[in-house]
Amino acid sequence: GRFTISRDNAQRTTYLQMDSLKPEDTAVYYC
């Protein structure tokens, strides 16, 4: 409900849209 994953294969790129971020989301993010 807060994060949305999407991708653009033509660009070979995947996205993670993060909304309503909380302090608990603090971390190193890996794909």
Full PDB file with SEQRES, HELIX, SHEET, SSBOND, CRYST1, ORIGX, SCALE, CONECT and MASTER records, all heavy atoms in Angstrom:
SEQRES   1 A   31  GLY ARG PHE THR ILE SER ARG ASP ASN ALA GLN ARG THR          
SEQRES   2 A   31  THR TYR LEU GLN MET ASP SER LEU LYS PRO GLU ASP THR          
SEQRES   3 A   31  ALA VAL TYR TYR CYS                                          
HELIX    1 AA1 PRO A   23  ASP A   25  5                                   3    
SHEET    1 AA1 2 PHE A   3  ASP A   8  0                                        
SHEET    2 AA1 2 THR A  13  MET A  18 -1                                        
CRYST1    1.000    1.000    1.000  90.00  90.00  90.00 P 1           1          
ORIGX1      1.000000  0.000000  0.000000        0.00000                         
ORIGX2      0.000000  1.000000  0.000000        0.00000                         
ORIGX3      0.000000  0.000000  1.000000        0.00000                         
SCALE1      1.000000  0.000000  0.000000        0.00000                         
SCALE2      0.000000  1.000000  0.000000        0.00000                         
SCALE3      0.000000  0.000000  1.000000        0.00000                         
ATOM      1  N   GLY A   1       0.797  -1.214   0.000  1.00  0.00           N  
ATOM      2  CA  GLY A   1       0.000   0.000   0.000  1.00  0.00           C  
ATOM      3  C   GLY A   1       0.826   1.260   0.000  1.00  0.00           C  
ATOM      4  O   GLY A   1       0.309   2.339  -0.320  1.00  0.00           O  
ATOM      5  N   ARG A   2       2.089   1.158   0.357  1.00  0.00           N  
ATOM      6  CA  ARG A   2       2.974   2.319   0.385  1.00  0.00           C  
ATOM      7  C   ARG A   2       4.032   2.277  -0.711  1.00  0.00           C  
ATOM      8  O   ARG A   2       4.409   3.312  -1.248  1.00  0.00           O  
ATOM      9  CB  ARG A   2       3.669   2.432   1.744  1.00  0.00           C  
ATOM     10  CG  ARG A   2       2.717   2.610   2.913  1.00  0.00           C  
ATOM     11  CD  ARG A   2       3.475   2.919   4.197  1.00  0.00           C  
ATOM     12  NE  ARG A   2       4.386   1.838   4.569  1.00  0.00           N  
ATOM     13  CZ  ARG A   2       5.713   1.973   4.658  1.00  0.00           C  
ATOM     14  NH1 ARG A   2       6.279   3.149   4.412  1.00  0.00           N  
ATOM     15  NH2 ARG A   2       6.468   0.944   5.013  1.00  0.00           N  
ATOM     16  N   PHE A   3       4.500   1.083  -1.026  1.00  0.00           N  
ATOM     17  CA  PHE A   3       5.534   0.916  -2.040  1.00  0.00           C  
ATOM     18  C   PHE A   3       4.926   0.323  -3.302  1.00  0.00           C  
ATOM     19  O   PHE A   3       3.994  -0.480  -3.248  1.00  0.00           O  
ATOM     20  CB  PHE A   3       6.641  -0.025  -1.551  1.00  0.00           C  
ATOM     21  CG  PHE A   3       7.510   0.541  -0.461  1.00  0.00           C  
ATOM     22  CD1 PHE A   3       7.185   1.719   0.192  1.00  0.00           C  
ATOM     23  CD2 PHE A   3       8.670  -0.124  -0.089  1.00  0.00           C  
ATOM     24  CE1 PHE A   3       7.983   2.239   1.197  1.00  0.00           C  
ATOM     25  CE2 PHE A   3       9.484   0.376   0.911  1.00  0.00           C  
ATOM     26  CZ  PHE A   3       9.143   1.554   1.554  1.00  0.00           C  
ATOM     27  N   THR A   4       5.482   0.696  -4.432  1.00  0.00           N  
ATOM     28  CA  THR A   4       5.044   0.165  -5.714  1.00  0.00           C  
ATOM     29  C   THR A   4       6.251  -0.202  -6.560  1.00  0.00           C  
ATOM     30  O   THR A   4       7.121   0.635  -6.799  1.00  0.00           O  
ATOM     31  CB  THR A   4       4.177   1.174  -6.485  1.00  0.00           C  
ATOM     32  OG1 THR A   4       3.051   1.561  -5.685  1.00  0.00           O  
ATOM     33  CG2 THR A   4       3.670   0.553  -7.782  1.00  0.00           C  
ATOM     34  N   ILE A   5       6.293  -1.442  -6.997  1.00  0.00           N  
ATOM     35  CA  ILE A   5       7.378  -1.883  -7.864  1.00  0.00           C  
ATOM     36  C   ILE A   5       6.898  -1.883  -9.312  1.00  0.00           C  
ATOM     37  O   ILE A   5       5.755  -2.244  -9.600  1.00  0.00           O  
ATOM     38  CB  ILE A   5       7.892  -3.283  -7.447  1.00  0.00           C  
ATOM     39  CG1 ILE A   5       9.141  -3.656  -8.247  1.00  0.00           C  
ATOM     40  CG2 ILE A   5       6.805  -4.342  -7.596  1.00  0.00           C  
ATOM     41  CD1 ILE A   5       9.838  -4.909  -7.720  1.00  0.00           C  
ATOM     42  N   SER A   6       7.748  -1.461 -10.203  1.00  0.00           N  
ATOM     43  CA  SER A   6       7.422  -1.426 -11.622  1.00  0.00           C  
ATOM     44  C   SER A   6       8.702  -1.604 -12.423  1.00  0.00           C  
ATOM     45  O   SER A   6       9.802  -1.557 -11.864  1.00  0.00           O  
ATOM     46  CB  SER A   6       6.726  -0.115 -11.995  1.00  0.00           C  
ATOM     47  OG  SER A   6       7.579   0.991 -11.757  1.00  0.00           O  
ATOM     48  N   ARG A   7       8.554  -1.803 -13.720  1.00  0.00           N  
ATOM     49  CA  ARG A   7       9.749  -1.970 -14.544  1.00  0.00           C  
ATOM     50  C   ARG A   7       9.531  -1.468 -15.952  1.00  0.00           C  
ATOM     51  O   ARG A   7       8.410  -1.413 -16.461  1.00  0.00           O  
ATOM     52  CB  ARG A   7      10.189  -3.438 -14.553  1.00  0.00           C  
ATOM     53  CG  ARG A   7       9.233  -4.394 -15.253  1.00  0.00           C  
ATOM     54  CD  ARG A   7       9.613  -5.840 -14.966  1.00  0.00           C  
ATOM     55  NE  ARG A   7      10.944  -6.170 -15.441  1.00  0.00           N  
ATOM     56  CZ  ARG A   7      11.621  -7.273 -15.120  1.00  0.00           C  
ATOM     57  NH1 ARG A   7      11.065  -8.166 -14.304  1.00  0.00           N  
ATOM     58  NH2 ARG A   7      12.842  -7.492 -15.600  1.00  0.00           N  
ATOM     59  N   ASP A   8      10.629  -1.125 -16.581  1.00  0.00           N  
ATOM     60  CA  ASP A   8      10.653  -0.701 -17.970  1.00  0.00           C  
ATOM     61  C   ASP A   8      11.709  -1.553 -18.647  1.00  0.00           C  
ATOM     62  O   ASP A   8      12.901  -1.264 -18.572  1.00  0.00           O  
ATOM     63  CB  ASP A   8      10.986   0.787 -18.070  1.00  0.00           C  
ATOM     64  CG  ASP A   8      10.945   1.304 -19.496  1.00  0.00           C  
ATOM     65  OD1 ASP A   8      10.966   0.494 -20.443  1.00  0.00           O  
ATOM     66  OD2 ASP A   8      10.880   2.537 -19.671  1.00  0.00           O  
ATOM     67  N   ASN A   9      11.262  -2.613 -19.296  1.00  0.00           N  
ATOM     68  CA  ASN A   9      12.203  -3.563 -19.876  1.00  0.00           C  
ATOM     69  C   ASN A   9      13.007  -2.979 -21.029  1.00  0.00           C  
ATOM     70  O   ASN A   9      14.125  -3.421 -21.291  1.00  0.00           O  
ATOM     71  CB  ASN A   9      11.469  -4.825 -20.334  1.00  0.00           C  
ATOM     72  CG  ASN A   9      10.980  -5.663 -19.169  1.00  0.00           C  
ATOM     73  OD1 ASN A   9      11.428  -5.481 -18.032  1.00  0.00           O  
ATOM     74  ND2 ASN A   9      10.064  -6.578 -19.435  1.00  0.00           N  
ATOM     75  N   ALA A  10      12.429  -2.015 -21.729  1.00  0.00           N  
ATOM     76  CA  ALA A  10      13.159  -1.369 -22.810  1.00  0.00           C  
ATOM     77  C   ALA A  10      14.381  -0.637 -22.277  1.00  0.00           C  
ATOM     78  O   ALA A  10      15.404  -0.537 -22.957  1.00  0.00           O  
ATOM     79  CB  ALA A  10      12.256  -0.411 -23.573  1.00  0.00           C  
ATOM     80  N   GLN A  11      14.268  -0.126 -21.056  1.00  0.00           N  
ATOM     81  CA  GLN A  11      15.377   0.559 -20.410  1.00  0.00           C  
ATOM     82  C   GLN A  11      16.150  -0.345 -19.467  1.00  0.00           C  
ATOM     83  O   GLN A  11      17.139   0.096 -18.868  1.00  0.00           O  
ATOM     84  CB  GLN A  11      14.866   1.781 -19.637  1.00  0.00           C  
ATOM     85  CG  GLN A  11      14.214   2.839 -20.512  1.00  0.00           C  
ATOM     86  CD  GLN A  11      15.208   3.483 -21.459  1.00  0.00           C  
ATOM     87  OE1 GLN A  11      16.362   3.740 -21.091  1.00  0.00           O  
ATOM     88  NE2 GLN A  11      14.776   3.742 -22.678  1.00  0.00           N  
ATOM     89  N   ARG A  12      15.692  -1.583 -19.329  1.00  0.00           N  
ATOM     90  CA  ARG A  12      16.306  -2.554 -18.431  1.00  0.00           C  
ATOM     91  C   ARG A  12      16.414  -1.986 -17.020  1.00  0.00           C  
ATOM     92  O   ARG A  12      17.425  -2.157 -16.337  1.00  0.00           O  
ATOM     93  CB  ARG A  12      17.683  -2.977 -18.945  1.00  0.00           C  
ATOM     94  CG  ARG A  12      17.657  -3.614 -20.332  1.00  0.00           C  
ATOM     95  CD  ARG A  12      18.976  -4.275 -20.664  1.00  0.00           C  
ATOM     96  NE  ARG A  12      19.195  -5.480 -19.867  1.00  0.00           N  
ATOM     97  CZ  ARG A  12      20.313  -6.187 -19.868  1.00  0.00           C  
ATOM     98  NH1 ARG A  12      21.336  -5.812 -20.627  1.00  0.00           N  
ATOM     99  NH2 ARG A  12      20.419  -7.271 -19.111  1.00  0.00           N  
ATOM    100  N   THR A  13      15.344  -1.332 -16.597  1.00  0.00           N  
ATOM    101  CA  THR A  13      15.338  -0.684 -15.299  1.00  0.00           C  
ATOM    102  C   THR A  13      14.087  -1.051 -14.515  1.00  0.00           C  
ATOM    103  O   THR A  13      12.989  -1.076 -15.055  1.00  0.00           O  
ATOM    104  CB  THR A  13      15.416   0.845 -15.443  1.00  0.00           C  
ATOM    105  OG1 THR A  13      16.599   1.202 -16.168  1.00  0.00           O  
ATOM    106  CG2 THR A  13      15.460   1.516 -14.080  1.00  0.00           C  
ATOM    107  N   THR A  14      14.272  -1.339 -13.245  1.00  0.00           N  
ATOM    108  CA  THR A  14      13.176  -1.634 -12.336  1.00  0.00           C  
ATOM    109  C   THR A  14      13.129  -0.554 -11.268  1.00  0.00           C  
ATOM    110  O   THR A  14      14.169  -0.105 -10.780  1.00  0.00           O  
ATOM    111  CB  THR A  14      13.356  -3.007 -11.683  1.00  0.00           C  
ATOM    112  OG1 THR A  14      13.428  -4.010 -12.704  1.00  0.00           O  
ATOM    113  CG2 THR A  14      12.170  -3.331 -10.783  1.00  0.00           C  
ATOM    114  N   TYR A  15      11.922  -0.137 -10.908  1.00  0.00           N  
ATOM    115  CA  TYR A  15      11.748   0.952  -9.970  1.00  0.00           C  
ATOM    116  C   TYR A  15      11.042   0.497  -8.702  1.00  0.00           C  
ATOM    117  O   TYR A  15      10.246  -0.430  -8.714  1.00  0.00           O  
ATOM    118  CB  TYR A  15      10.931   2.086 -10.597  1.00  0.00           C  
ATOM    119  CG  TYR A  15      11.503   2.598 -11.896  1.00  0.00           C  
ATOM    120  CD1 TYR A  15      11.028   2.129 -13.115  1.00  0.00           C  
ATOM    121  CD2 TYR A  15      12.517   3.546 -11.896  1.00  0.00           C  
ATOM    122  CE1 TYR A  15      11.552   2.589 -14.310  1.00  0.00           C  
ATOM    123  CE2 TYR A  15      13.047   4.011 -13.085  1.00  0.00           C  
ATOM    124  CZ  TYR A  15      12.556   3.535 -14.289  1.00  0.00           C  
ATOM    125  OH  TYR A  15      13.084   4.001 -15.465  1.00  0.00           O  
ATOM    126  N   LEU A  16      11.330   1.178  -7.629  1.00  0.00           N  
ATOM    127  CA  LEU A  16      10.606   0.991  -6.381  1.00  0.00           C  
ATOM    128  C   LEU A  16      10.176   2.370  -5.905  1.00  0.00           C  
ATOM    129  O   LEU A  16      11.000   3.144  -5.401  1.00  0.00           O  
ATOM    130  CB  LEU A  16      11.463   0.297  -5.322  1.00  0.00           C  
ATOM    131  CG  LEU A  16      10.741  -0.022  -4.013  1.00  0.00           C  
ATOM    132  CD1 LEU A  16       9.650  -1.072  -4.253  1.00  0.00           C  
ATOM    133  CD2 LEU A  16      11.715  -0.504  -2.947  1.00  0.00           C  
ATOM    134  N   GLN A  17       8.903   2.669  -6.103  1.00  0.00           N  
ATOM    135  CA  GLN A  17       8.346   3.928  -5.638  1.00  0.00           C  
ATOM    136  C   GLN A  17       7.946   3.769  -4.182  1.00  0.00           C  
ATOM    137  O   GLN A  17       7.136   2.909  -3.847  1.00  0.00           O  
ATOM    138  CB  GLN A  17       7.127   4.322  -6.476  1.00  0.00           C  
ATOM    139  CG  GLN A  17       6.431   5.594  -6.025  1.00  0.00           C  
ATOM    140  CD  GLN A  17       7.283   6.827  -6.216  1.00  0.00           C  
ATOM    141  OE1 GLN A  17       7.939   6.973  -7.244  1.00  0.00           O  
ATOM    142  NE2 GLN A  17       7.288   7.714  -5.233  1.00  0.00           N  
ATOM    143  N   MET A  18       8.512   4.588  -3.323  1.00  0.00           N  
ATOM    144  CA  MET A  18       8.267   4.491  -1.894  1.00  0.00           C  
ATOM    145  C   MET A  18       7.571   5.758  -1.415  1.00  0.00           C  
ATOM    146  O   MET A  18       8.143   6.848  -1.469  1.00  0.00           O  
ATOM    147  CB  MET A  18       9.579   4.280  -1.137  1.00  0.00           C  
ATOM    148  CG  MET A  18      10.376   3.074  -1.618  1.00  0.00           C  
ATOM    149  SD  MET A  18      11.863   2.772  -0.635  1.00  0.00           S  
ATOM    150  CE  MET A  18      12.810   4.248  -1.032  1.00  0.00           C  
ATOM    151  N   ASP A  19       6.342   5.591  -0.959  1.00  0.00           N  
ATOM    152  CA  ASP A  19       5.551   6.706  -0.452  1.00  0.00           C  
ATOM    153  C   ASP A  19       5.271   6.505   1.030  1.00  0.00           C  
ATOM    154  O   ASP A  19       5.388   5.401   1.551  1.00  0.00           O  
ATOM    155  CB  ASP A  19       4.230   6.823  -1.216  1.00  0.00           C  
ATOM    156  CG  ASP A  19       4.414   7.107  -2.691  1.00  0.00           C  
ATOM    157  OD1 ASP A  19       5.297   7.907  -3.034  1.00  0.00           O  
ATOM    158  OD2 ASP A  19       3.661   6.521  -3.508  1.00  0.00           O  
ATOM    159  N   SER A  20       4.878   7.575   1.692  1.00  0.00           N  
ATOM    160  CA  SER A  20       4.566   7.528   3.122  1.00  0.00           C  
ATOM    161  C   SER A  20       5.671   6.834   3.905  1.00  0.00           C  
ATOM    162  O   SER A  20       5.418   5.957   4.734  1.00  0.00           O  
ATOM    163  CB  SER A  20       3.221   6.822   3.343  1.00  0.00           C  
ATOM    164  OG  SER A  20       2.180   7.483   2.656  1.00  0.00           O  
ATOM    165  N   LEU A  21       6.876   7.232   3.655  1.00  0.00           N  
ATOM    166  CA  LEU A  21       8.027   6.589   4.279  1.00  0.00           C  
ATOM    167  C   LEU A  21       8.030   6.766   5.793  1.00  0.00           C  
ATOM    168  O   LEU A  21       7.641   7.809   6.308  1.00  0.00           O  
ATOM    169  CB  LEU A  21       9.321   7.132   3.685  1.00  0.00           C  
ATOM    170  CG  LEU A  21       9.668   6.580   2.305  1.00  0.00           C  
ATOM    171  CD1 LEU A  21      10.705   7.452   1.622  1.00  0.00           C  
ATOM    172  CD2 LEU A  21      10.160   5.145   2.428  1.00  0.00           C  
ATOM    173  N   LYS A  22       8.489   5.733   6.459  1.00  0.00           N  
ATOM    174  CA  LYS A  22       8.573   5.706   7.908  1.00  0.00           C  
ATOM    175  C   LYS A  22      10.021   5.507   8.329  1.00  0.00           C  
ATOM    176  O   LYS A  22      10.818   4.961   7.574  1.00  0.00           O  
ATOM    177  CB  LYS A  22       7.721   4.563   8.472  1.00  0.00           C  
ATOM    178  CG  LYS A  22       6.272   4.586   8.040  1.00  0.00           C  
ATOM    179  CD  LYS A  22       5.551   3.344   8.542  1.00  0.00           C  
ATOM    180  CE  LYS A  22       4.105   3.339   8.113  1.00  0.00           C  
ATOM    181  NZ  LYS A  22       3.394   2.109   8.568  1.00  0.00           N  
ATOM    182  N   PRO A  23      10.376   5.929   9.536  1.00  0.00           N  
ATOM    183  CA  PRO A  23      11.744   5.690  10.017  1.00  0.00           C  
ATOM    184  C   PRO A  23      12.130   4.215   9.973  1.00  0.00           C  
ATOM    185  O   PRO A  23      13.309   3.898   9.776  1.00  0.00           O  
ATOM    186  CB  PRO A  23      11.700   6.205  11.460  1.00  0.00           C  
ATOM    187  CG  PRO A  23      10.667   7.275  11.426  1.00  0.00           C  
ATOM    188  CD  PRO A  23       9.610   6.760  10.482  1.00  0.00           C  
ATOM    189  N   GLU A  24      11.170   3.330  10.136  1.00  0.00           N  
ATOM    190  CA  GLU A  24      11.421   1.894  10.079  1.00  0.00           C  
ATOM    191  C   GLU A  24      11.847   1.421   8.690  1.00  0.00           C  
ATOM    192  O   GLU A  24      12.340   0.306   8.548  1.00  0.00           O  
ATOM    193  CB  GLU A  24      10.177   1.107  10.505  1.00  0.00           C  
ATOM    194  CG  GLU A  24       9.611   1.518  11.848  1.00  0.00           C  
ATOM    195  CD  GLU A  24       8.586   2.635  11.727  1.00  0.00           C  
ATOM    196  OE1 GLU A  24       7.414   2.329  11.391  1.00  0.00           O  
ATOM    197  OE2 GLU A  24       8.951   3.803  11.972  1.00  0.00           O  
ATOM    198  N   ASP A  25      11.656   2.254   7.682  1.00  0.00           N  
ATOM    199  CA  ASP A  25      12.070   1.910   6.327  1.00  0.00           C  
ATOM    200  C   ASP A  25      13.554   2.175   6.097  1.00  0.00           C  
ATOM    201  O   ASP A  25      14.089   1.825   5.044  1.00  0.00           O  
ATOM    202  CB  ASP A  25      11.256   2.697   5.297  1.00  0.00           C  
ATOM    203  CG  ASP A  25       9.780   2.347   5.327  1.00  0.00           C  
ATOM    204  OD1 ASP A  25       9.455   1.146   5.455  1.00  0.00           O  
ATOM    205  OD2 ASP A  25       8.953   3.268   5.220  1.00  0.00           O  
ATOM    206  N   THR A  26      14.204   2.798   7.048  1.00  0.00           N  
ATOM    207  CA  THR A  26      15.624   3.099   6.928  1.00  0.00           C  
ATOM    208  C   THR A  26      16.432   1.818   6.789  1.00  0.00           C  
ATOM    209  O   THR A  26      16.356   0.929   7.632  1.00  0.00           O  
ATOM    210  CB  THR A  26      16.112   3.893   8.146  1.00  0.00           C  
ATOM    211  OG1 THR A  26      15.461   5.163   8.184  1.00  0.00           O  
ATOM    212  CG2 THR A  26      17.618   4.115   8.079  1.00  0.00           C  
ATOM    213  N   ALA A  27      17.193   1.731   5.715  1.00  0.00           N  
ATOM    214  CA  ALA A  27      17.971   0.530   5.432  1.00  0.00           C  
ATOM    215  C   ALA A  27      18.761   0.734   4.152  1.00  0.00           C  
ATOM    216  O   ALA A  27      18.563   1.711   3.430  1.00  0.00           O  
ATOM    217  CB  ALA A  27      17.052  -0.687   5.283  1.00  0.00           C  
ATOM    218  N   VAL A  28      19.648  -0.200   3.887  1.00  0.00           N  
ATOM    219  CA  VAL A  28      20.275  -0.275   2.579  1.00  0.00           C  
ATOM    220  C   VAL A  28      19.377  -1.130   1.707  1.00  0.00           C  
ATOM    221  O   VAL A  28      19.028  -2.251   2.084  1.00  0.00           O  
ATOM    222  CB  VAL A  28      21.688  -0.882   2.644  1.00  0.00           C  
ATOM    223  CG1 VAL A  28      22.271  -1.029   1.243  1.00  0.00           C  
ATOM    224  CG2 VAL A  28      22.602  -0.008   3.499  1.00  0.00           C  
ATOM    225  N   TYR A  29      18.990  -0.614   0.560  1.00  0.00           N  
ATOM    226  CA  TYR A  29      18.091  -1.319  -0.337  1.00  0.00           C  
ATOM    227  C   TYR A  29      18.873  -1.927  -1.497  1.00  0.00           C  
ATOM    228  O   TYR A  29      19.683  -1.256  -2.139  1.00  0.00           O  
ATOM    229  CB  TYR A  29      17.021  -0.371  -0.877  1.00  0.00           C  
ATOM    230  CG  TYR A  29      15.936  -0.082   0.125  1.00  0.00           C  
ATOM    231  CD1 TYR A  29      16.196   0.703   1.244  1.00  0.00           C  
ATOM    232  CD2 TYR A  29      14.655  -0.609  -0.034  1.00  0.00           C  
ATOM    233  CE1 TYR A  29      15.212   0.952   2.179  1.00  0.00           C  
ATOM    234  CE2 TYR A  29      13.662  -0.357   0.895  1.00  0.00           C  
ATOM    235  CZ  TYR A  29      13.943   0.421   2.004  1.00  0.00           C  
ATOM    236  OH  TYR A  29      12.960   0.672   2.924  1.00  0.00           O  
ATOM    237  N   TYR A  30      18.615  -3.192  -1.745  1.00  0.00           N  
ATOM    238  CA  TYR A  30      19.282  -3.936  -2.805  1.00  0.00           C  
ATOM    239  C   TYR A  30      18.269  -4.435  -3.819  1.00  0.00           C  
ATOM    240  O   TYR A  30      17.169  -4.824  -3.458  1.00  0.00           O  
ATOM    241  CB  TYR A  30      20.007  -5.163  -2.245  1.00  0.00           C  
ATOM    242  CG  TYR A  30      21.056  -4.875  -1.204  1.00  0.00           C  
ATOM    243  CD1 TYR A  30      20.727  -4.800   0.144  1.00  0.00           C  
ATOM    244  CD2 TYR A  30      22.389  -4.704  -1.562  1.00  0.00           C  
ATOM    245  CE1 TYR A  30      21.684  -4.549   1.108  1.00  0.00           C  
ATOM    246  CE2 TYR A  30      23.350  -4.457  -0.608  1.00  0.00           C  
ATOM    247  CZ  TYR A  30      22.993  -4.383   0.727  1.00  0.00           C  
ATOM    248  OH  TYR A  30      23.960  -4.138   1.665  1.00  0.00           O  
ATOM    249  N   CYS A  31      18.646  -4.444  -5.074  1.00  0.00           N  
ATOM    250  CA  CYS A  31      17.836  -5.128  -6.068  1.00  0.00           C  
ATOM    251  C   CYS A  31      18.545  -6.404  -6.482  1.00  0.00           C  
ATOM    252  O   CYS A  31      19.767  -6.509  -6.384  1.00  0.00           O  
ATOM    253  CB  CYS A  31      17.538  -4.239  -7.286  1.00  0.00           C  
ATOM    254  SG  CYS A  31      18.960  -3.813  -8.308  1.00  0.00           S  
TER     255      CYS A  31                                                      
MASTER        0    0    0    1    2    0    0    6  254    1    0    3          
END                                                                             
